[in-house]
Protein backbone atom coordinates (compact mmCIF):
# COMPACT_ATOMS: atom_id res chain seq x y z
CA MET A 1 7.18 -21.99 22.26
CA ALA A 2 9.27 -18.83 22.43
CA ALA A 3 9.39 -18.69 18.64
CA PHE A 4 5.60 -19.03 18.47
CA ALA A 5 5.20 -16.16 21.00
CA MET A 6 7.50 -13.93 18.97
CA LEU A 7 5.54 -14.76 15.80
CA LEU A 8 2.23 -13.93 17.52
CA MET A 9 3.58 -10.60 18.80
CA SER A 10 4.86 -9.70 15.33
CA ALA A 11 1.48 -10.51 13.74
CA SER A 12 -0.30 -8.44 16.37
CA ALA A 13 1.97 -5.47 15.77
CA ALA A 14 1.46 -5.70 12.01
CA GLY A 15 -2.31 -5.95 12.46
CA ALA A 16 -2.36 -2.91 14.71
CA GLN A 17 -0.51 -0.89 12.08
CA ASN A 18 -3.06 -1.86 9.41
CA PHE A 19 -6.14 -1.47 11.63
CA PRO A 20 -8.20 1.67 10.77
CA GLN A 21 -7.59 4.53 13.15
CA PRO A 22 -10.59 5.77 15.16
CA LEU A 23 -12.48 8.72 13.74
CA PRO A 24 -12.18 12.05 15.53
CA GLU A 25 -14.98 12.89 17.92
CA GLU A 26 -17.88 14.88 16.49
CA PRO A 27 -19.67 17.53 18.48
CA VAL A 28 -23.25 16.62 19.34
CA PRO A 29 -25.58 17.95 18.13
CA THR A 30 -24.18 18.78 14.69
CA VAL A 31 -26.48 20.87 12.52
CA SER A 32 -25.78 21.78 8.90
CA GLU A 33 -27.24 24.94 7.40
CA LEU A 34 -29.08 25.14 4.12
CA PRO A 35 -28.37 27.93 1.62
CA GLU A 36 -30.30 31.15 2.15
CA ARG A 37 -31.68 30.86 -1.38
CA TYR A 38 -32.65 27.34 -2.32
CA PRO A 39 -31.53 25.99 -5.72
CA ASP A 40 -34.18 25.84 -8.43
CA SER A 41 -34.11 22.04 -8.34
CA TRP A 42 -35.51 21.97 -4.79
CA VAL A 43 -39.18 21.30 -4.12
CA PHE A 44 -41.29 21.60 -0.96
CA VAL A 45 -43.40 18.44 -0.70
CA HIS A 46 -46.34 18.82 1.69
CA ASP A 47 -47.15 15.59 3.52
CA LEU A 48 -50.65 15.91 4.98
CA HIS A 49 -50.05 12.58 6.80
CA PHE A 50 -53.63 11.30 6.86
CA ASN A 51 -52.80 8.57 9.39
CA SER A 52 -51.77 11.19 11.96
CA LEU A 53 -53.05 14.64 11.01
CA PRO A 54 -51.48 16.48 13.98
CA ASP A 55 -48.11 15.24 12.68
CA GLY A 56 -48.11 16.66 9.15
CA ARG A 57 -44.84 17.86 7.70
CA ALA A 58 -43.13 19.29 4.64
CA ALA A 59 -40.05 17.72 3.11
CA ILE A 60 -37.50 19.83 1.22
CA VAL A 61 -36.28 17.65 -1.65
CA ASP A 62 -33.57 18.15 -4.27
CA VAL A 63 -35.12 16.30 -7.19
CA ALA A 64 -32.01 16.79 -9.36
CA ALA A 65 -29.69 14.96 -6.95
CA ALA A 66 -28.78 11.35 -7.68
CA ASN A 67 -28.86 10.57 -3.95
CA HIS A 68 -29.28 12.30 -0.57
CA ASN A 69 -32.34 14.03 -2.01
CA LEU A 70 -33.94 14.93 1.33
CA ARG A 71 -32.39 18.24 2.45
CA GLY A 72 -34.62 19.00 5.41
CA GLN A 73 -38.06 18.76 6.94
CA ILE A 74 -40.33 20.97 9.03
CA PRO A 75 -43.61 20.14 10.82
CA VAL A 76 -46.90 21.36 9.37
CA ALA A 77 -49.56 20.39 11.88
CA GLN A 78 -53.29 19.69 11.54
CA PHE A 79 -54.43 20.45 7.99
CA GLY A 80 -51.63 23.00 7.72
CA ASN A 81 -50.34 25.12 4.84
CA ILE A 82 -46.76 25.88 3.88
CA LEU A 83 -45.64 29.04 2.11
CA PRO A 84 -41.96 29.80 1.40
CA SER A 85 -41.01 33.45 0.99
CA THR A 86 -38.90 34.39 -2.03
CA THR A 87 -37.37 37.51 -0.41
CA ARG A 88 -37.42 37.25 3.38
CA GLY A 89 -35.41 34.11 4.20
CA GLU A 90 -38.44 32.64 5.95
CA ILE A 91 -40.97 29.84 5.53
CA TYR A 92 -44.51 30.40 6.81
CA VAL A 93 -46.72 27.62 8.10
CA GLY A 94 -50.39 28.04 8.96
CA GLU A 95 -51.30 25.34 11.45
CA THR A 96 -53.62 24.41 14.31
CA PHE A 97 -52.95 22.85 17.72
CA TYR A 98 -55.16 21.51 20.50
CA SER A 99 -54.07 21.59 24.13
CA ARG A 100 -54.75 17.84 24.47
CA LEU A 101 -53.43 16.99 21.01
CA THR A 102 -56.80 15.93 19.57
CA ARG A 103 -59.09 17.91 21.87
CA GLY A 104 -59.04 20.83 24.26
CA GLU A 105 -58.33 24.50 23.61
CA ARG A 106 -57.66 25.30 19.97
CA THR A 107 -54.83 27.60 18.88
CA ASP A 108 -54.30 28.70 15.27
CA VAL A 109 -50.92 30.19 14.38
CA ILE A 110 -48.58 31.19 11.61
CA THR A 111 -45.24 29.63 12.53
CA ILE A 112 -42.18 31.35 11.04
CA TRP A 113 -39.21 29.14 10.17
CA ASP A 114 -35.69 30.17 9.18
CA THR A 115 -34.80 28.92 5.69
CA LYS A 116 -31.13 28.27 6.55
CA THR A 117 -31.44 26.50 9.89
CA LEU A 118 -35.04 25.24 9.67
CA ALA A 119 -35.42 26.48 13.24
CA PRO A 120 -38.63 28.18 14.39
CA LYS A 121 -38.10 31.95 14.66
CA ASP A 122 -41.48 33.11 15.92
CA GLU A 123 -45.22 32.56 15.70
CA ILE A 124 -48.24 34.78 15.25
CA VAL A 125 -51.43 33.66 16.98
CA LEU A 126 -54.52 33.87 14.78
CA PRO A 127 -57.66 34.82 16.73
CA GLY A 128 -61.08 33.20 16.62
CA GLY A 129 -60.21 29.56 15.94
CA LYS A 130 -61.37 29.91 12.35
CA ARG A 131 -58.44 29.07 10.07
CA GLY A 132 -59.81 26.79 7.36
CA LEU A 133 -59.23 23.12 8.22
CA PHE A 134 -59.39 21.03 5.03
CA VAL A 135 -57.08 19.06 2.77
CA THR A 136 -54.33 21.50 1.92
CA LEU A 137 -54.67 23.95 -0.95
CA ARG A 138 -51.85 26.39 -1.70
CA ASN A 139 -54.20 29.36 -2.02
CA SER A 140 -55.46 29.15 1.54
CA LEU A 141 -52.25 30.96 2.65
CA GLN A 142 -50.63 33.60 0.43
CA LEU A 143 -48.47 36.74 0.58
CA THR A 144 -49.20 40.26 -0.64
CA ASN A 145 -47.76 43.79 -0.35
CA ASP A 146 -44.23 42.75 -1.40
CA GLU A 147 -44.43 39.78 0.99
CA LYS A 148 -44.91 42.06 4.01
CA TRP A 149 -48.40 40.70 4.71
CA ALA A 150 -49.87 37.20 4.85
CA LEU A 151 -53.42 36.34 3.84
CA VAL A 152 -55.09 33.49 5.75
CA PHE A 153 -58.31 31.95 4.46
CA ASN A 154 -60.82 31.12 7.20
CA PHE A 155 -63.79 28.76 7.06
CA THR A 156 -66.25 28.20 9.91
CA PRO A 157 -68.26 27.56 7.49
CA GLY A 158 -68.52 31.32 7.12
CA SER A 159 -65.61 32.39 4.92
CA SER A 160 -63.26 35.28 5.64
CA VAL A 161 -59.65 36.39 5.25
CA THR A 162 -57.28 37.48 8.02
CA VAL A 163 -54.59 39.99 7.00
CA VAL A 164 -51.38 39.56 9.02
CA ASP A 165 -48.44 42.00 9.28
CA LEU A 166 -45.36 39.76 9.17
CA ASP A 167 -42.96 42.54 10.17
CA GLY A 168 -45.03 43.72 13.15
CA ARG A 169 -46.18 40.16 14.00
CA LYS A 170 -49.76 41.36 14.37
CA ILE A 171 -53.26 41.07 12.91
CA LEU A 172 -54.31 43.97 10.69
CA SER A 173 -57.88 43.04 9.77
CA ASP A 174 -60.49 40.34 9.23
CA ILE A 175 -62.50 40.60 6.02
CA ASP A 176 -65.74 38.70 5.45
CA LEU A 177 -66.05 36.84 2.13
CA PRO A 178 -69.61 35.49 1.99
CA GLY A 179 -69.88 32.78 -0.63
CA CYS A 180 -66.26 33.04 -1.79
CA SER A 181 -63.20 30.85 -1.22
CA LEU A 182 -59.40 31.04 -1.12
CA VAL A 183 -57.06 33.94 -1.87
CA TYR A 184 -55.10 34.97 -4.97
CA PRO A 185 -52.74 37.94 -4.48
CA THR A 186 -53.87 40.81 -6.68
CA GLY A 187 -52.32 44.17 -7.55
CA PRO A 188 -49.71 45.80 -5.30
CA ARG A 189 -51.61 44.85 -2.13
CA GLY A 190 -54.88 43.00 -2.23
CA PHE A 191 -56.44 39.70 -3.17
CA THR A 192 -59.12 38.00 -5.23
CA SER A 193 -61.41 35.17 -4.20
CA LEU A 194 -63.43 32.75 -6.35
CA CYS A 195 -67.15 32.74 -5.55
CA ALA A 196 -69.86 30.09 -5.57
CA ASP A 197 -71.94 31.89 -8.21
CA GLY A 198 -69.12 31.65 -10.78
CA THR A 199 -67.82 35.19 -10.27
CA MET A 200 -64.67 36.44 -8.55
CA THR A 201 -64.34 39.30 -6.08
CA SER A 202 -61.22 41.46 -5.82
CA ILE A 203 -60.47 43.50 -2.68
CA ALA A 204 -57.73 46.13 -2.53
CA LEU A 205 -56.17 46.77 0.88
CA ASP A 206 -55.18 50.21 2.16
CA ALA A 207 -51.88 51.01 3.86
CA ALA A 208 -53.28 49.83 7.19
CA GLY A 209 -54.39 46.48 5.77
CA LYS A 210 -58.08 47.37 5.82
CA ALA A 211 -60.44 46.42 2.99
CA GLY A 212 -61.16 48.97 0.30
CA PRO A 213 -63.89 48.77 -2.33
CA ALA A 214 -64.71 45.30 -3.68
CA VAL A 215 -64.97 44.63 -7.42
CA THR A 216 -67.00 41.61 -8.54
CA SER A 217 -66.67 40.20 -12.06
CA GLU A 218 -69.26 38.75 -14.37
CA ALA A 219 -69.81 35.01 -13.97
CA PHE A 220 -67.24 32.96 -15.91
CA ASN A 221 -66.73 29.79 -13.82
CA ASP A 222 -69.31 27.17 -14.86
CA ILE A 223 -69.84 25.73 -11.40
CA ASP A 224 -72.56 23.25 -12.38
CA ASP A 225 -71.16 21.81 -15.61
CA ASP A 226 -67.40 22.50 -15.86
CA PRO A 227 -65.93 24.14 -12.73
CA LEU A 228 -62.31 25.19 -12.36
CA PHE A 229 -59.74 23.44 -10.20
CA MET A 230 -58.89 26.14 -7.64
CA THR A 231 -55.09 25.90 -7.67
CA PRO A 232 -53.66 27.75 -10.69
CA ALA A 233 -50.27 27.63 -12.37
CA MET A 234 -48.75 31.10 -12.14
CA VAL A 235 -46.90 32.63 -15.10
CA GLY A 236 -45.84 36.04 -13.86
CA ARG A 237 -49.05 37.61 -12.53
CA THR A 238 -51.29 35.49 -14.77
CA GLY A 239 -52.98 32.52 -13.16
CA TRP A 240 -53.78 29.61 -15.47
CA PHE A 241 -56.69 27.52 -14.20
CA VAL A 242 -57.84 24.24 -15.74
CA SER A 243 -61.43 22.99 -15.60
CA PHE A 244 -62.73 19.51 -14.84
CA LYS A 245 -63.39 18.88 -18.54
CA GLY A 246 -60.09 20.28 -19.82
CA ASN A 247 -60.56 23.96 -20.60
CA LEU A 248 -57.74 26.38 -19.72
CA ARG A 249 -58.61 29.86 -18.43
CA ALA A 250 -56.26 32.80 -17.81
CA ILE A 251 -56.87 35.37 -15.08
CA ASP A 252 -54.74 38.50 -14.83
CA PHE A 253 -53.98 39.35 -11.18
CA ALA A 254 -51.61 42.26 -11.92
CA GLY A 255 -54.10 45.11 -11.50
CA ALA A 256 -56.16 46.20 -8.53
CA ALA A 257 -59.02 44.00 -9.79
CA ALA A 258 -58.52 40.62 -11.43
CA LYS A 259 -59.46 40.31 -15.10
CA ASP A 260 -60.75 37.25 -16.91
CA LEU A 261 -58.67 36.84 -20.08
CA GLY A 262 -60.79 34.07 -21.58
CA SER A 263 -60.34 30.36 -22.10
CA PHE A 264 -59.55 27.69 -24.67
CA ALA A 265 -59.87 23.91 -24.74
CA ILE A 266 -56.87 21.66 -24.34
CA PRO A 267 -56.27 20.42 -27.90
CA PRO A 268 -58.21 17.14 -28.20
CA GLN A 269 -56.29 13.93 -28.68
CA ALA A 270 -57.50 10.43 -29.52
CA GLY A 271 -57.02 7.68 -26.97
CA GLY A 272 -58.88 6.54 -23.91
CA GLU A 273 -62.53 5.99 -23.20
CA PRO A 274 -64.66 7.72 -22.28
CA GLU A 275 -62.25 10.69 -22.52
CA TRP A 276 -59.07 12.30 -21.24
CA ARG A 277 -59.72 14.75 -18.42
CA PRO A 278 -57.56 16.59 -15.85
CA ALA A 279 -57.53 14.77 -12.53
CA GLY A 280 -55.63 14.79 -9.26
CA TRP A 281 -55.01 17.17 -6.39
CA GLN A 282 -52.49 19.61 -7.87
CA VAL A 283 -53.21 19.13 -11.55
CA ILE A 284 -51.47 22.07 -13.24
CA SER A 285 -48.02 23.64 -13.10
CA ALA A 286 -45.86 26.00 -15.17
CA ASP A 287 -42.15 26.27 -15.89
CA ARG A 288 -40.15 29.49 -16.10
CA ALA A 289 -40.68 29.66 -19.88
CA GLY A 290 -44.45 29.73 -19.38
CA LEU A 291 -45.28 26.23 -20.63
CA LEU A 292 -48.15 24.56 -18.78
CA TYR A 293 -48.23 20.96 -17.53
CA VAL A 294 -51.60 19.30 -16.89
CA LEU A 295 -52.07 15.91 -15.17
CA MET A 296 -54.49 13.86 -17.32
CA ASN A 297 -56.63 10.79 -16.69
CA PRO A 298 -57.76 8.62 -19.66
CA LYS A 299 -60.90 7.48 -17.82
CA GLY A 300 -62.51 10.84 -17.21
CA VAL A 301 -66.12 10.77 -16.03
CA GLU A 302 -68.32 12.78 -13.73
CA GLY A 303 -66.61 12.66 -10.32
CA SER A 304 -63.16 11.51 -11.56
CA HIS A 305 -61.49 14.88 -10.94
CA LYS A 306 -59.55 13.70 -7.86
CA ASP A 307 -58.50 10.31 -9.23
CA GLY A 308 -55.04 11.31 -10.46
CA GLY A 309 -53.60 10.60 -13.87
CA THR A 310 -51.18 8.67 -16.05
CA GLU A 311 -49.93 11.40 -18.42
CA ALA A 312 -48.81 15.01 -18.19
CA TRP A 313 -49.76 17.13 -21.21
CA VAL A 314 -47.47 20.04 -22.02
CA ILE A 315 -49.28 23.04 -23.48
CA ASP A 316 -48.08 26.32 -24.97
CA PRO A 317 -50.79 28.74 -23.80
CA GLN A 318 -49.73 31.47 -26.21
CA ALA A 319 -49.98 29.27 -29.30
CA LYS A 320 -52.81 27.23 -27.71
CA THR A 321 -51.12 24.05 -28.85
CA LEU A 322 -50.26 20.70 -27.30
CA VAL A 323 -46.45 20.50 -27.29
CA ARG A 324 -45.99 16.94 -26.04
CA ARG A 325 -47.50 14.20 -23.90
CA ILE A 326 -45.40 12.71 -21.10
CA ALA A 327 -46.34 9.15 -20.22
CA LEU A 328 -45.89 8.68 -16.47
CA LYS A 329 -44.33 5.47 -15.16
CA ASN A 330 -46.82 5.38 -12.28
CA HIS A 331 -50.28 6.68 -11.47
CA SER A 332 -49.74 10.14 -9.93
CA LEU A 333 -51.75 12.56 -7.78
CA SER A 334 -49.96 15.90 -8.22
CA ILE A 335 -47.39 17.48 -10.51
CA GLU A 336 -44.96 20.39 -10.22
CA ALA A 337 -42.38 21.79 -12.67
CA THR A 338 -39.10 23.07 -11.27
CA GLN A 339 -37.96 26.58 -12.17
CA GLN A 340 -34.62 25.60 -13.67
CA GLN A 341 -33.47 26.74 -17.10
CA GLN A 342 -33.93 23.09 -18.11
CA PRO A 343 -36.89 22.15 -15.91
CA LEU A 344 -37.75 18.83 -14.34
CA LEU A 345 -41.30 17.61 -13.90
CA VAL A 346 -42.09 16.02 -10.54
CA ALA A 347 -45.04 13.66 -10.15
CA SER A 348 -46.12 12.51 -6.67
CA ARG A 349 -47.38 8.96 -6.20
CA PRO A 350 -49.92 7.60 -3.69
CA ASP A 351 -47.13 5.59 -1.97
CA GLY A 352 -45.26 8.80 -1.06
CA SER A 353 -42.56 8.50 -3.73
CA LEU A 354 -41.73 11.11 -6.37
CA ASP A 355 -41.07 10.32 -10.02
CA VAL A 356 -38.86 12.85 -11.82
CA TYR A 357 -38.88 13.49 -15.58
CA ASP A 358 -36.95 15.67 -18.01
CA ALA A 359 -39.67 18.19 -18.85
CA ALA A 360 -38.24 18.94 -22.32
CA SER A 361 -38.11 15.35 -23.57
CA GLY A 362 -40.45 13.55 -21.18
CA ALA A 363 -37.72 11.04 -20.37
CA PHE A 364 -37.87 9.41 -16.94
CA VAL A 365 -34.91 10.48 -14.76
CA ARG A 366 -35.27 8.90 -11.32
CA THR A 367 -37.56 7.98 -8.44
CA VAL A 368 -37.11 9.60 -5.04
CA ALA A 369 -38.51 6.75 -2.97
CA SER A 370 -40.93 7.13 -0.05
CA VAL A 371 -39.93 10.69 0.80
CA VAL A 372 -43.26 11.32 2.61
CA HIS A 373 -46.50 9.52 3.46
CA ASP A 374 -49.22 11.50 1.65
CA PRO A 375 -47.76 14.00 -0.85
CA MET A 376 -50.66 16.36 -1.58
CA THR A 377 -49.09 19.58 -2.87
CA MET A 378 -45.65 20.54 -4.12
CA THR A 379 -44.07 23.99 -4.36
CA ALA A 380 -40.95 24.52 -6.45
CA ALA A 381 -38.26 26.79 -5.01
CA ARG A 382 -38.14 30.18 -6.72
C-alpha cells in the first residue's frame, strides 16, 4: 500500500509539471485600436438590417485577409448613411432615432465616430425631422469644401439639402431642391443634384455655406426609357453613371457647374435572353486605375434593375472597350472594387456573405461568410 501511495504521488507531481500554466489575467475591458488610415483592402459594408431597421450597422471588413476579416462595426440606425472621411480621422453617420424606439419624438443627427477607436466623438442634431428615410444610397450624405462641410439630402417628400459645418458642429443653411434628388460634390464647395426632368442642377456655396446661383443643364437623363442608376463610380472628379439598359455616361464634377461629357453603350456581347442589363443596388464601381466594373444580369427586362446579377463586366472607359467578364460564383446585389495597386472585386450576396475576386484575372479568392444581414452598399477605404 505504501508503494502504491508513493507511485500515485509521483504521478501527480509529474502531471502537475506537465499541466499548462494558467494564463495571466487580462484587463477588462480590453479595446484594440484600428490604424488611423485604413488599408486599401478594407471595405465598409452597410447592413441596412431590414428585419430590425433601428438596429442597422456598418461592418469594417478586410477582404484581403485569409481570416479574422471583421475589423470593427459601428451602428447606423434607421435608414442611415455612412460616410468615412479621407482626411479627418472620422466616420460620419446620418441616422434617425425615435424616443420610443419605433414611435415618439423624432431626432435626426450626424453622429461622428473616431476611426481608430470606433467610439462616438460627437453628434450634430439636424433640425426639422426631414432627413431622407429610404433604402440607403451613398449620395444622400456627402462631403464638400475639403471635407469641412457635410451635405445631407432631405425628403419630406419636398426635397432639400442641409449644409453642416463639421468643425463648428452647426447648421449653415437649408437649400430647397424642388424636383431634384441626392447630392454630388461639385467644384471647390458646392453640389449637383439630378432632377426629375432629366436635367441636373449645380449650386455653388459661398464662404458662409449659403447657396449661390444655380446652373441647370440641358436634359440628358432619359427618365422614361433609359434612366441612370443614381450611384456613380468616381474616377477623380468624374462620375461614371450606368443606365438601366447599359449605357455609360460621364459627368465632370470638377468645376463650379457639372458638365455632361456624353455617353457610350457597354460593348454588346452574345449570351442570355432577352438581354444582359445592369442590375442590383450598387451596380458600378471603379478601381484606382480608372477601370469600371458593372454588375450584369442575363435576364434583363423592364423592371429587372434591382434584381442583382451573375457577372461583373470590366470596362475601359477611355478606350470604350470591354476588358473582361468576371463570372460570379453566386448571385450578387452590389459590387465594389478596392483601391489597392492590385485591386480586389467584392460582391455582396443576399445571405449577407461577401465573395472576393482578383479583379485583374477574375479568379475567385475567398468568401467572407455572413458578415452582415442585408449588405446594401459598400465603400472601399481610400
